Protein backbone atom coordinates (compact mmCIF):
# COMPACT_ATOMS: atom_id res chain seq x y z
CA MET A 1 4.45 -12.34 -23.61
CA GLN A 2 5.07 -15.93 -22.63
CA SER A 3 2.48 -18.48 -21.73
CA VAL A 4 3.30 -20.44 -18.59
CA GLY A 5 2.36 -23.77 -17.18
CA MET A 6 0.42 -24.30 -13.97
CA PRO A 7 2.14 -22.37 -11.20
CA ASN A 8 2.90 -23.83 -7.79
CA ILE A 9 3.65 -27.48 -8.70
CA GLN A 10 6.77 -28.50 -6.68
CA PHE A 11 8.49 -26.07 -4.41
CA MET A 12 9.11 -25.71 -0.67
CA THR A 13 10.01 -29.38 -0.37
CA SER A 14 11.05 -28.99 3.31
CA ILE A 15 7.68 -27.54 4.31
CA THR A 16 5.87 -30.10 2.20
CA LYS A 17 7.57 -32.90 4.14
CA SER A 18 7.32 -31.41 7.60
CA ASP A 19 3.92 -29.72 7.42
CA PRO A 20 1.85 -30.65 4.39
CA GLU A 21 -1.17 -28.72 5.67
CA VAL A 22 0.65 -25.38 5.70
CA ALA A 23 2.40 -26.26 2.44
CA ALA A 24 -0.94 -26.90 0.77
CA ILE A 25 -2.21 -23.48 1.85
CA ILE A 26 0.94 -21.73 0.52
CA HIS A 27 0.69 -23.68 -2.73
CA ALA A 28 -2.92 -22.62 -3.11
CA GLU A 29 -2.07 -18.97 -2.40
CA ASN A 30 0.73 -19.10 -4.95
CA LYS A 31 -1.80 -20.33 -7.50
CA ARG A 32 -4.38 -17.68 -6.51
CA GLN A 33 -1.84 -14.88 -6.90
CA HIS A 34 -1.11 -16.10 -10.39
CA ASP A 35 -4.65 -16.86 -11.51
CA LYS A 36 -6.34 -13.64 -10.42
CA ILE A 37 -5.92 -9.96 -11.32
CA ARG A 38 -4.93 -8.26 -8.06
CA LEU A 39 -6.27 -4.70 -7.90
CA VAL A 40 -5.97 -4.05 -4.15
CA PRO A 41 -3.82 -0.88 -4.27
CA SER A 42 -1.84 -1.81 -1.17
CA GLU A 43 -0.76 -5.20 -2.57
CA ASN A 44 2.08 -6.07 -4.88
CA TYR A 45 4.52 -8.81 -5.89
CA VAL A 46 8.00 -8.72 -4.38
CA SER A 47 10.93 -9.93 -6.46
CA ARG A 48 12.43 -13.35 -5.88
CA ALA A 49 15.49 -11.61 -4.33
CA VAL A 50 13.33 -9.77 -1.80
CA LEU A 51 11.44 -13.00 -1.05
CA GLU A 52 14.66 -14.93 -0.45
CA ALA A 53 16.07 -12.23 1.85
CA THR A 54 12.79 -12.06 3.82
CA GLY A 55 12.82 -15.82 4.24
CA SER A 56 16.50 -15.97 5.21
CA ILE A 57 18.36 -17.04 8.36
CA MET A 58 18.28 -13.39 9.46
CA THR A 59 15.07 -14.35 11.21
CA ASN A 60 17.17 -16.30 13.73
CA LYS A 61 18.86 -13.28 15.35
CA TYR A 62 17.65 -11.10 18.21
CA SER A 63 18.89 -7.51 18.03
CA GLU A 64 17.30 -5.16 20.59
CA GLY A 65 18.78 -1.68 20.25
CA TYR A 66 20.46 0.03 17.34
CA ALA A 67 23.64 -0.58 15.36
CA GLN A 68 26.74 -0.47 17.59
CA ASP A 69 24.47 -0.11 20.63
CA ARG A 70 22.74 -3.47 21.15
CA TYR A 71 21.70 -5.45 24.21
CA TYR A 72 22.83 -8.78 22.72
CA GLU A 73 26.18 -9.85 21.35
CA GLY A 74 26.77 -11.42 17.97
CA GLN A 75 25.54 -8.40 16.00
CA GLN A 76 28.44 -8.03 13.57
CA GLN A 77 26.41 -8.87 10.46
CA ILE A 78 23.13 -7.43 11.71
CA ASP A 79 24.72 -4.04 12.31
CA LYS A 80 26.17 -4.10 8.80
CA LEU A 81 22.75 -4.99 7.37
CA GLU A 82 20.81 -2.33 9.25
CA LEU A 83 23.33 0.40 8.42
CA LEU A 84 23.31 -0.64 4.75
CA CYS A 85 19.50 -0.53 4.71
CA ILE A 86 19.50 2.94 6.28
CA GLU A 87 22.05 4.29 3.79
CA ARG A 88 20.02 2.94 0.90
CA ALA A 89 16.84 4.54 2.26
CA LYS A 90 18.66 7.87 2.59
CA ALA A 91 19.89 7.55 -1.00
CA VAL A 92 16.43 6.75 -2.34
CA PHE A 93 14.45 9.38 -0.46
CA GLY A 94 17.02 12.00 0.47
CA ALA A 95 16.22 11.83 4.17
CA GLU A 96 18.49 13.12 6.94
CA HIS A 97 17.67 10.34 9.38
CA VAL A 98 16.01 6.93 8.86
CA ASN A 99 14.70 4.29 11.25
CA VAL A 100 14.06 0.93 9.52
CA GLN A 101 12.87 -0.97 12.59
CA PRO A 102 9.06 -0.33 12.78
CA TYR A 103 7.15 -3.53 12.33
CA SER A 104 4.63 -1.83 9.96
CA GLY A 105 3.09 1.51 9.08
CA SER A 106 0.69 1.71 12.06
CA PRO A 107 3.48 1.20 14.67
CA ALA A 108 5.54 3.81 12.78
CA ASN A 109 2.70 6.32 13.12
CA GLN A 110 2.21 5.41 16.76
CA ALA A 111 5.93 6.06 17.38
CA VAL A 112 5.42 9.58 16.02
CA TYR A 113 2.71 10.22 18.61
CA VAL A 114 4.72 8.73 21.45
CA ALA A 115 7.76 10.82 20.48
CA LEU A 116 6.19 14.16 19.70
CA ALA A 117 2.88 14.48 21.59
CA GLU A 118 1.50 13.88 25.03
CA PRO A 119 -1.78 11.95 25.51
CA GLY A 120 -4.65 14.38 25.24
CA GLU A 121 -2.83 16.88 23.01
CA THR A 122 -4.46 17.89 19.74
CA ILE A 123 -3.56 16.14 16.49
CA MET A 124 -4.98 16.60 12.97
CA GLY A 125 -5.41 14.19 10.09
CA LEU A 126 -7.53 13.46 7.05
CA SER A 127 -10.72 11.67 8.10
CA LEU A 128 -10.97 8.00 7.33
CA ALA A 129 -14.26 8.61 5.48
CA ASP A 130 -12.49 11.04 3.12
CA GLY A 131 -9.50 8.83 2.36
CA GLY A 132 -7.28 9.04 5.43
CA HIS A 133 -6.03 6.22 7.64
CA LEU A 134 -7.18 4.84 10.97
CA THR A 135 -3.95 5.99 12.62
CA HIS A 136 -4.48 9.62 11.62
CA GLY A 137 -6.95 10.21 14.47
CA ASP A 138 -9.95 8.02 13.74
CA LYS A 139 -12.07 7.44 16.85
CA VAL A 140 -11.75 3.62 16.71
CA SER A 141 -7.91 3.87 16.68
CA ILE A 142 -5.63 4.47 19.64
CA SER A 143 -4.68 7.72 17.87
CA GLY A 144 -8.29 8.90 18.27
CA LYS A 145 -8.65 7.57 21.79
CA HIS A 146 -5.45 8.86 23.42
CA TYR A 147 -5.29 12.21 21.65
CA HIS A 148 -7.75 15.02 20.85
CA ALA A 149 -8.22 14.31 17.16
CA VAL A 150 -9.40 16.96 14.74
CA GLN A 151 -10.30 15.70 11.27
CA TYR A 152 -10.23 17.60 8.01
CA GLY A 153 -11.83 16.40 4.79
CA VAL A 154 -12.14 16.85 1.03
CA ARG A 155 -14.26 19.25 -0.98
CA GLU A 156 -17.57 17.90 -2.16
CA ASP A 157 -17.41 19.47 -5.62
CA ASP A 158 -14.10 17.96 -6.74
CA GLY A 159 -12.95 15.49 -4.06
CA ALA A 160 -9.71 17.35 -3.42
CA ILE A 161 -8.33 18.06 0.06
CA ASP A 162 -10.03 21.15 1.43
CA PHE A 163 -7.04 23.34 2.34
CA ASP A 164 -9.27 26.17 3.48
CA GLN A 165 -10.66 23.77 6.07
CA VAL A 166 -7.19 22.51 6.98
CA GLU A 167 -5.95 26.05 7.60
CA SER A 168 -9.07 27.08 9.51
CA LEU A 169 -8.95 24.04 11.80
CA ALA A 170 -5.22 24.39 12.34
CA LYS A 171 -5.51 28.00 13.38
CA LYS A 172 -8.46 27.23 15.68
CA TYR A 173 -7.11 24.14 17.44
CA LYS A 174 -3.30 24.68 17.22
CA PRO A 175 -2.51 20.95 16.86
CA ARG A 176 0.78 19.50 18.04
CA ILE A 177 0.95 17.22 14.99
CA ILE A 178 -0.63 17.51 11.50
CA PHE A 179 -0.71 14.28 9.51
CA CYS A 180 -0.91 14.60 5.73
CA GLY A 181 -1.33 11.14 4.30
CA THR A 182 -3.94 9.02 2.62
CA THR A 183 -5.09 5.49 1.83
CA ALA A 184 -7.94 6.23 -0.54
CA TYR A 185 -7.09 9.53 -2.16
CA PRO A 186 -6.43 9.49 -5.92
CA ARG A 187 -4.74 12.88 -6.27
CA PHE A 188 -1.33 14.41 -5.58
CA VAL A 189 -0.82 15.53 -1.98
CA ASP A 190 0.51 19.10 -1.71
CA PHE A 191 3.06 18.59 1.04
CA GLU A 192 4.45 22.08 0.65
CA LYS A 193 1.09 23.59 1.45
CA PHE A 194 0.70 21.38 4.51
CA ALA A 195 4.16 22.40 5.70
CA LYS A 196 3.33 26.09 5.36
CA ILE A 197 0.18 25.70 7.45
CA GLY A 198 2.08 23.68 10.03
CA ARG A 199 4.76 26.35 10.40
CA GLU A 200 2.08 29.04 10.84
CA VAL A 201 0.55 27.25 13.86
CA GLY A 202 3.72 25.66 15.30
CA ALA A 203 2.76 22.07 14.42
CA VAL A 204 5.02 19.16 13.51
CA VAL A 205 3.95 18.09 10.02
CA VAL A 206 4.08 14.34 9.30
CA ALA A 207 3.62 12.86 5.82
CA ASP A 208 2.38 9.27 5.69
CA ILE A 209 3.40 8.04 2.24
CA ALA A 210 2.66 4.35 2.79
CA HIS A 211 0.70 4.03 -0.46
CA ILE A 212 2.88 6.22 -2.68
CA SER A 213 6.41 5.58 -1.38
CA GLY A 214 7.39 3.76 -4.56
CA LEU A 215 6.05 6.64 -6.63
CA VAL A 216 7.92 9.13 -4.49
CA ALA A 217 11.12 7.06 -4.75
CA ALA A 218 10.86 7.09 -8.53
CA GLY A 219 10.05 10.77 -8.77
CA VAL A 220 6.57 10.36 -10.20
CA HIS A 221 4.86 11.84 -7.12
CA PRO A 222 6.13 14.99 -5.36
CA SER A 223 8.34 14.17 -2.38
CA PRO A 224 7.48 15.40 1.12
CA ILE A 225 11.12 15.21 2.29
CA PRO A 226 12.05 18.82 1.45
CA HIS A 227 8.98 20.22 3.18
CA VAL A 228 7.79 18.27 6.22
CA ASP A 229 9.40 17.30 9.52
CA VAL A 230 8.69 13.55 9.57
CA VAL A 231 7.79 10.95 6.95
CA THR A 232 6.38 7.55 7.72
CA THR A 233 5.74 4.70 5.32
CA THR A 234 5.14 1.03 4.94
CA THR A 235 7.78 -0.82 2.91
CA HIS A 236 5.56 -2.96 0.72
CA LYS A 237 2.78 -1.51 -1.52
CA SER A 238 4.21 0.50 -4.40
CA LEU A 239 7.80 0.29 -2.98
CA ARG A 240 7.62 -3.46 -3.63
CA GLY A 241 9.45 -4.55 -0.48
CA PRO A 242 8.58 -6.85 2.44
CA ARG A 243 5.79 -5.97 4.90
CA GLY A 244 7.31 -3.54 7.32
CA GLY A 245 7.57 0.15 8.28
CA MET A 246 10.03 3.01 8.15
CA ILE A 247 10.39 6.49 9.63
CA MET A 248 12.36 9.29 7.98
CA CYS A 249 12.89 12.66 9.65
CA LYS A 250 14.98 15.77 10.11
CA ASN A 251 17.90 15.24 12.48
CA GLU A 252 16.29 17.30 15.26
CA PHE A 253 13.59 14.63 15.69
CA ALA A 254 15.84 11.60 15.35
CA GLU A 255 16.59 10.83 18.98
CA ALA A 256 13.01 11.17 20.13
CA LEU A 257 11.66 8.97 17.32
CA ASP A 258 14.32 6.30 17.77
CA LYS A 259 13.56 6.08 21.48
CA ALA A 260 9.82 5.87 20.71
CA VAL A 261 10.36 2.87 18.39
CA PHE A 262 12.74 1.17 20.83
CA PRO A 263 12.29 0.86 23.77
CA GLY A 264 9.06 2.78 23.63
CA LEU A 265 6.94 0.48 21.47
CA GLN A 266 8.93 -2.51 20.26
CA GLY A 267 11.53 -5.06 21.19
CA GLY A 268 14.01 -6.45 18.72
CA PRO A 269 13.68 -5.58 15.01
CA HIS A 270 12.71 -8.22 12.46
CA ASN A 271 16.10 -8.64 10.82
CA HIS A 272 14.76 -10.77 7.96
CA THR A 273 12.43 -7.88 7.09
CA THR A 274 15.38 -5.45 7.19
CA ALA A 275 17.21 -7.75 4.76
CA GLY A 276 14.26 -7.78 2.35
CA LEU A 277 13.89 -4.02 2.64
CA ALA A 278 17.57 -3.48 1.87
CA VAL A 279 17.18 -5.52 -1.31
CA ALA A 280 14.04 -3.62 -2.30
CA LEU A 281 15.72 -0.25 -1.75
CA LYS A 282 18.59 -1.29 -4.04
CA GLU A 283 16.01 -2.28 -6.66
CA ALA A 284 14.28 1.08 -6.20
CA GLN A 285 17.45 2.84 -7.36
CA THR A 286 17.36 1.19 -10.79
CA GLN A 287 16.07 2.62 -14.05
CA GLU A 288 13.81 -0.45 -14.31
CA PHE A 289 12.07 0.52 -11.08
CA LYS A 290 11.62 4.11 -12.20
CA GLN A 291 10.08 2.93 -15.45
CA TYR A 292 7.84 0.58 -13.47
CA ALA A 293 6.60 3.44 -11.26
CA ARG A 294 5.91 5.62 -14.30
CA GLN A 295 3.90 2.77 -15.81
CA ILE A 296 1.86 2.38 -12.60
CA VAL A 297 0.61 5.95 -13.07
CA ARG A 298 0.05 5.54 -16.81
CA ASN A 299 -1.92 2.37 -16.24
CA ALA A 300 -4.05 3.97 -13.55
CA ASP A 301 -4.82 6.91 -15.79
CA ALA A 302 -5.72 4.65 -18.71
CA LEU A 303 -7.92 2.46 -16.51
CA ALA A 304 -9.65 5.47 -15.01
CA LYS A 305 -10.46 6.93 -18.41
CA ALA A 306 -11.74 3.56 -19.68
CA LEU A 307 -14.01 3.24 -16.63
CA ILE A 308 -15.39 6.74 -17.11
CA ASP A 309 -16.11 5.87 -20.76
CA ARG A 310 -18.17 2.94 -19.45
CA GLY A 311 -20.27 5.10 -17.19
CA PHE A 312 -18.50 4.62 -13.83
CA CYS A 313 -18.38 7.52 -11.38
CA LEU A 314 -14.86 8.09 -10.04
CA SER A 315 -14.06 10.06 -6.91
CA SER A 316 -12.40 13.36 -7.92
CA GLY A 317 -13.06 12.44 -11.57
CA GLY A 318 -9.85 10.44 -12.09
CA THR A 319 -6.42 9.84 -10.62
CA ASP A 320 -2.89 11.30 -10.37
CA ASN A 321 -1.35 8.24 -8.77
CA HIS A 322 -1.84 4.46 -8.51
CA LEU A 323 -5.34 4.47 -7.01
CA ILE A 324 -8.87 4.78 -8.27
CA LEU A 325 -11.95 5.11 -6.05
CA ILE A 326 -15.19 4.14 -7.78
CA ASP A 327 -18.76 4.96 -6.71
CA VAL A 328 -20.82 2.03 -8.07
CA THR A 329 -24.23 3.16 -6.87
CA ASN A 330 -25.18 4.39 -10.33
CA LYS A 331 -24.78 0.78 -11.42
CA GLY A 332 -27.52 -0.27 -9.02
CA ILE A 333 -25.23 -2.12 -6.58
CA THR A 334 -23.20 -1.53 -3.41
CA GLY A 335 -19.46 -1.57 -3.08
CA ARG A 336 -19.53 -4.80 -1.11
CA GLN A 337 -21.69 -6.51 -3.72
CA MET A 338 -19.34 -5.37 -6.47
CA ALA A 339 -16.19 -6.45 -4.64
CA LYS A 340 -17.62 -9.91 -3.98
CA ALA A 341 -18.77 -10.27 -7.59
CA LEU A 342 -15.36 -9.20 -8.88
CA ASP A 343 -13.56 -11.68 -6.66
CA ALA A 344 -15.79 -14.49 -7.94
CA SER A 345 -14.79 -13.39 -11.44
CA GLY A 346 -11.04 -13.48 -10.77
CA ILE A 347 -10.51 -9.78 -10.05
CA VAL A 348 -9.58 -8.83 -6.48
CA CYS A 349 -10.20 -5.42 -4.93
CA ASN A 350 -11.74 -4.08 -1.71
CA PHE A 351 -15.02 -2.35 -0.99
CA ASN A 352 -14.47 1.17 0.31
CA ARG A 353 -16.38 4.22 1.49
CA ILE A 354 -16.31 7.23 -0.80
CA PRO A 355 -16.30 10.85 0.46
CA PHE A 356 -19.65 11.86 1.93
CA ASP A 357 -20.81 8.24 1.76
CA LYS A 358 -24.11 7.66 3.50
CA ARG A 359 -23.66 3.91 3.53
CA PRO A 360 -21.88 1.99 6.37
CA ALA A 361 -18.24 1.01 6.18
CA MET A 362 -18.97 -2.72 5.83
CA ASN A 363 -21.35 -2.16 2.89
CA PRO A 364 -20.29 1.16 1.39
CA SER A 365 -20.97 2.83 -1.98
CA GLY A 366 -17.58 2.29 -3.51
CA ILE A 367 -14.69 0.03 -4.36
CA ARG A 368 -10.98 0.90 -4.29
CA ILE A 369 -8.65 -0.38 -6.98
CA GLY A 370 -5.00 0.24 -7.90
CA THR A 371 -2.37 -0.70 -10.45
CA PRO A 372 0.89 -1.56 -8.64
CA ALA A 373 0.52 -5.37 -8.73
CA ILE A 374 -0.80 -5.64 -12.31
CA THR A 375 1.99 -3.31 -13.47
CA SER A 376 4.52 -5.62 -11.80
CA ARG A 377 3.13 -8.37 -14.04
CA GLY A 378 3.67 -6.30 -17.15
CA PHE A 379 0.07 -5.23 -17.85
CA GLY A 380 -0.15 -2.17 -20.08
CA PRO A 381 -2.79 0.10 -21.68
CA ASP A 382 -4.38 -2.65 -23.74
CA GLU A 383 -4.94 -4.73 -20.63
CA MET A 384 -6.46 -1.70 -18.84
CA VAL A 385 -9.13 -1.46 -21.54
CA ARG A 386 -9.88 -5.17 -21.30
CA LEU A 387 -10.03 -4.88 -17.49
CA ALA A 388 -12.52 -2.01 -17.71
CA ASP A 389 -14.67 -4.14 -20.02
CA TRP A 390 -14.70 -6.98 -17.48
CA ILE A 391 -15.52 -4.64 -14.59
CA GLU A 392 -18.43 -3.22 -16.60
CA THR A 393 -19.65 -6.73 -17.48
CA ILE A 394 -19.51 -7.89 -13.89
CA ALA A 395 -21.41 -4.82 -12.64
CA ARG A 396 -24.07 -5.55 -15.20
CA PHE A 397 -24.35 -9.20 -14.15
CA ARG A 398 -24.52 -8.31 -10.45
CA SER A 399 -27.29 -5.74 -10.96
CA ASP A 400 -29.32 -7.89 -13.38
CA GLU A 401 -32.41 -8.90 -11.40
CA THR A 402 -33.44 -11.41 -14.07
CA LEU A 403 -30.40 -13.56 -13.16
CA ASP A 404 -30.74 -15.97 -10.27
CA LEU A 405 -27.75 -16.96 -8.11
CA SER A 406 -26.73 -19.88 -10.30
CA GLY A 407 -26.95 -17.68 -13.39
CA ARG A 408 -24.69 -15.05 -11.79
CA LYS A 409 -22.17 -17.68 -10.71
CA LYS A 410 -22.07 -19.08 -14.25
CA ALA A 411 -21.42 -15.59 -15.62
CA TYR A 412 -18.70 -14.96 -13.06
CA ARG A 413 -17.00 -18.25 -13.89
CA ALA A 414 -16.93 -17.36 -17.57
CA VAL A 415 -15.16 -14.08 -16.83
CA ALA A 416 -12.79 -15.83 -14.41
CA GLU A 417 -11.74 -18.18 -17.20
CA GLU A 418 -10.95 -15.24 -19.46
CA VAL A 419 -9.03 -13.56 -16.63
CA LYS A 420 -7.01 -16.73 -16.06
CA ASP A 421 -6.17 -16.94 -19.76
CA LEU A 422 -4.81 -13.39 -19.62
CA CYS A 423 -2.87 -14.02 -16.41
CA ASP A 424 -1.22 -17.05 -18.03
CA GLN A 425 0.40 -14.65 -20.50
CA PHE A 426 2.05 -12.56 -17.70
CA LEU A 427 4.39 -14.19 -15.21
CA ALA A 428 4.13 -12.61 -11.77
CA PRO A 429 7.43 -11.65 -10.10
CA GLY A 430 8.49 -13.85 -7.21
CA LEU A 431 5.89 -16.60 -7.74
CA PHE A 432 6.96 -20.20 -8.37
CA TYR A 433 6.31 -21.77 -11.76
CA ASP A 434 6.89 -25.30 -13.00
CA THR A 435 7.09 -25.99 -16.73
CA ASP A 436 8.18 -29.40 -18.06
CA GLY A 437 8.83 -30.60 -14.56
CA GLU A 438 11.48 -28.01 -13.70
CA LEU A 439 11.05 -25.41 -10.99
CA ARG A 440 11.63 -21.89 -12.16
CA GLY A 441 10.65 -18.35 -11.23
CA LYS A 442 10.72 -14.89 -12.68
CA SER A 443 12.47 -12.12 -10.85
CA ILE A 444 12.53 -8.38 -11.49
């Protein structure tokens, strides 16, 4: 492991000259992403190649429509790019049809509803409180307002998806669409079982793999492609691409879904994002990426076991994937208090509700952590143990009623210094570093 100098010392000279205020913010963010351990499971570091493609001149071109069928001229290179990106996605995931134009995961999910259901029809999804996503029918989302949303949950005894409930609700309500996807669920999703239930009731089954797409691509999580009708995903998170969305489906749904994306919901695609995604999909086909994805899961398992050894209560008792959901109430604190204390100590996560949580969403009982970003930096099992030690220490500081605010802040700063020392030993992909006055970066 190599020690590095202060990140973020001279780069983006054009922005620095034209807009020093924005440049200063980007410089500070570059430093923050180096200095802190990033445990938000939906965050990652893109490679320098993905970063360059996303920031390229492809952002200059307007391209409403699809390849060879555009509303603007001058699409010779854009068509090549989009077709290349689609072919790479098919190669990575084995999909029959791919649309790479959705601006993000939520618009991709909305396109599914627009294409395959009428407003007021019944849809099903995992409840937000049990680890689902807003767009799977939550009442505050358009998916819960425009459609009759039925929500299934997890079992209280083991935190696993309650398939008896899924089957019972599906048979009772005969939904048009069943979403099987999660944002705070630490176990494998049985896509084959969802598909069987869907066929029995005549539903279209949609797998949202936004969090686990990189794991699916690498073969370390079961793929939904052989089983379900439609797959949606974001393109960042564990896939390690730019922020965007993608829809994969069987050919019979292709025309309806394409029309729902454009012209149904969007105008021209973000061609710079397509460029970054194409690069990321090429990276996802390498042995290095497959090893990276395997290490994500190994790190998560090691971290989960180390946390259990330190008395933390984990939803479902552990993890099969990249994500760990921790109930911190037995430590005498709330999830929000813990997340804030961790951030002050150089460790970034998010507070999160746990299944059957009686606390409100803005001050819940749990925190959600994940290993994609720290695995991108090269953290391994030894670092997971050290990380668990810090998390335990911070929980103790936050719950210690003998410490006043200044005492807590001093304790957090001491941990943050140790965190920074560790981060200095692991270069983060895509960030900018300056050692001995020369700009350099590390790419994967």
